C-alpha atoms as a PDB file:
ATOM      1  CA  MET A   1       0.000   0.000   0.000  1.00  0.00           C
ATOM      2  CA  SER A   2       2.881   2.404   0.672  1.00  0.00           C
ATOM      3  CA  GLN A   3       3.826   2.352  -3.033  1.00  0.00           C
ATOM      4  CA  LEU A   4       0.302   3.421  -3.928  1.00  0.00           C
ATOM      5  CA  LYS A   5       0.447   6.201  -1.353  1.00  0.00           C
ATOM      6  CA  LYS A   6       3.596   7.489  -3.037  1.00  0.00           C
ATOM      7  CA  LEU A   7       1.783   7.608  -6.380  1.00  0.00           C
ATOM      8  CA  VAL A   8      -1.430   9.236  -5.217  1.00  0.00           C
ATOM      9  CA  ASN A   9       0.230  11.810  -2.945  1.00  0.00           C
ATOM     10  CA  ASP A  10       2.878  12.971  -5.417  1.00  0.00           C
ATOM     11  CA  LYS A  11       0.817  15.706  -7.106  1.00  0.00           C
ATOM     12  CA  PRO A  12       2.814  16.055 -10.368  1.00  0.00           C
ATOM     13  CA  LEU A  13       2.963  12.285 -10.791  1.00  0.00           C
ATOM     14  CA  TRP A  14      -0.722  11.846  -9.933  1.00  0.00           C
ATOM     15  CA  ASP A  15      -1.736  14.632 -12.303  1.00  0.00           C
ATOM     16  CA  SER A  16       0.205  13.090 -15.184  1.00  0.00           C
ATOM     17  CA  PHE A  17      -1.331   9.699 -14.365  1.00  0.00           C
ATOM     18  CA  CYS A  18      -4.813  11.254 -14.513  1.00  0.00           C
ATOM     19  CA  VAL A  19      -4.017  12.896 -17.860  1.00  0.00           C
ATOM     20  CA  GLU A  20      -3.036   9.481 -19.223  1.00  0.00           C
ATOM     21  CA  LEU A  21      -6.249   7.950 -17.858  1.00  0.00           C
ATOM     22  CA  ASP A  22      -8.285  10.730 -19.501  1.00  0.00           C
ATOM     23  CA  LEU A  23      -6.572  10.145 -22.849  1.00  0.00           C
ATOM     24  CA  ARG A  24      -7.261   6.417 -22.668  1.00  0.00           C
ATOM     25  CA  LEU A  25     -10.875   7.037 -21.648  1.00  0.00           C
ATOM     26  CA  ALA A  26     -11.331   9.390 -24.610  1.00  0.00           C
ATOM     27  CA  ARG A  27      -9.960   6.684 -26.946  1.00  0.00           C
ATOM     28  CA  VAL A  28     -12.367   4.146 -25.458  1.00  0.00           C
ATOM     29  CA  HIS A  29     -15.302   6.526 -25.966  1.00  0.00           C
ATOM     30  CA  THR A  30     -14.286   7.183 -29.564  1.00  0.00           C
ATOM     31  CA  THR A  31     -14.047   3.459 -30.247  1.00  0.00           C
ATOM     32  CA  MET A  32     -17.440   2.911 -28.613  1.00  0.00           C
ATOM     33  CA  GLU A  33     -19.001   5.534 -30.868  1.00  0.00           C
ATOM     34  CA  GLN A  34     -17.592   3.811 -33.953  1.00  0.00           C
ATOM     35  CA  SER A  35     -18.347   0.230 -32.973  1.00  0.00           C
ATOM     36  CA  ASP A  36     -21.357  -1.750 -34.091  1.00  0.00           C
ATOM     37  CA  ASP A  37     -20.388  -5.056 -32.449  1.00  0.00           C
ATOM     38  CA  SER A  38     -22.156  -5.617 -29.127  1.00  0.00           C
ATOM     39  CA  ASN A  39     -19.373  -7.843 -27.754  1.00  0.00           C
ATOM     40  CA  ILE A  40     -16.817  -5.131 -28.381  1.00  0.00           C
ATOM     41  CA  MET A  41     -19.148  -2.577 -26.797  1.00  0.00           C
ATOM     42  CA  PHE A  42     -19.394  -4.661 -23.617  1.00  0.00           C
ATOM     43  CA  ARG A  43     -15.595  -4.909 -23.413  1.00  0.00           C
ATOM     44  CA  LEU A  44     -15.207  -1.192 -23.984  1.00  0.00           C
ATOM     45  CA  GLN A  45     -17.756  -0.457 -21.262  1.00  0.00           C
ATOM     46  CA  GLY A  46     -15.668  -2.571 -18.900  1.00  0.00           C
ATOM     47  CA  GLN A  47     -12.511  -0.713 -19.901  1.00  0.00           C
ATOM     48  CA  ALA A  48     -14.203   2.631 -19.296  1.00  0.00           C
ATOM     49  CA  ALA A  49     -15.393   1.506 -15.864  1.00  0.00           C
ATOM     50  CA  ALA A  50     -11.897   0.308 -14.946  1.00  0.00           C
ATOM     51  CA  LEU A  51     -10.305   3.588 -16.046  1.00  0.00           C
ATOM     52  CA  ARG A  52     -12.860   5.607 -14.077  1.00  0.00           C
ATOM     53  CA  SER A  53     -12.242   3.482 -10.983  1.00  0.00           C
ATOM     54  CA  LEU A  54      -8.490   4.148 -11.263  1.00  0.00           C
ATOM     55  CA  LYS A  55      -9.253   7.863 -11.079  1.00  0.00           C
ATOM     56  CA  GLN A  56     -10.862   7.195  -7.676  1.00  0.00           C
ATOM     57  CA  LEU A  57      -7.732   5.448  -6.398  1.00  0.00           C
ATOM     58  CA  ARG A  58      -6.425   8.514  -4.566  1.00  0.00           C
ATOM     59  CA  ALA A  59      -9.544   8.825  -2.431  1.00  0.00           C
ATOM     60  CA  GLU A  60      -9.610   5.113  -1.674  1.00  0.00           C
ATOM     61  CA  VAL A  61      -5.936   4.885  -0.708  1.00  0.00           C
ATOM     62  CA  ASN A  62      -6.054   7.980   1.489  1.00  0.00           C
ATOM     63  CA  ALA A  63      -9.334   6.935   3.114  1.00  0.00           C
ATOM     64  CA  ASN A  64      -7.818   3.638   4.252  1.00  0.00           C
ATOM     65  CA  ALA A  65      -4.826   5.314   5.917  1.00  0.00           C
END
């Protein structure tokens, strides 16, 4: 857990991590808009949920301290 604390409490590192998550989430949304395959859509929805949950990591790690 201490390694995660280092990540979430280092503001420049955390901010760059969040930027990367936002870029990946935007790519997922673009792919979802262009997809017509329901199986791919379900996978993309799971990816989007996982990326959004990573953005909540800071609150979760600091709440458990």
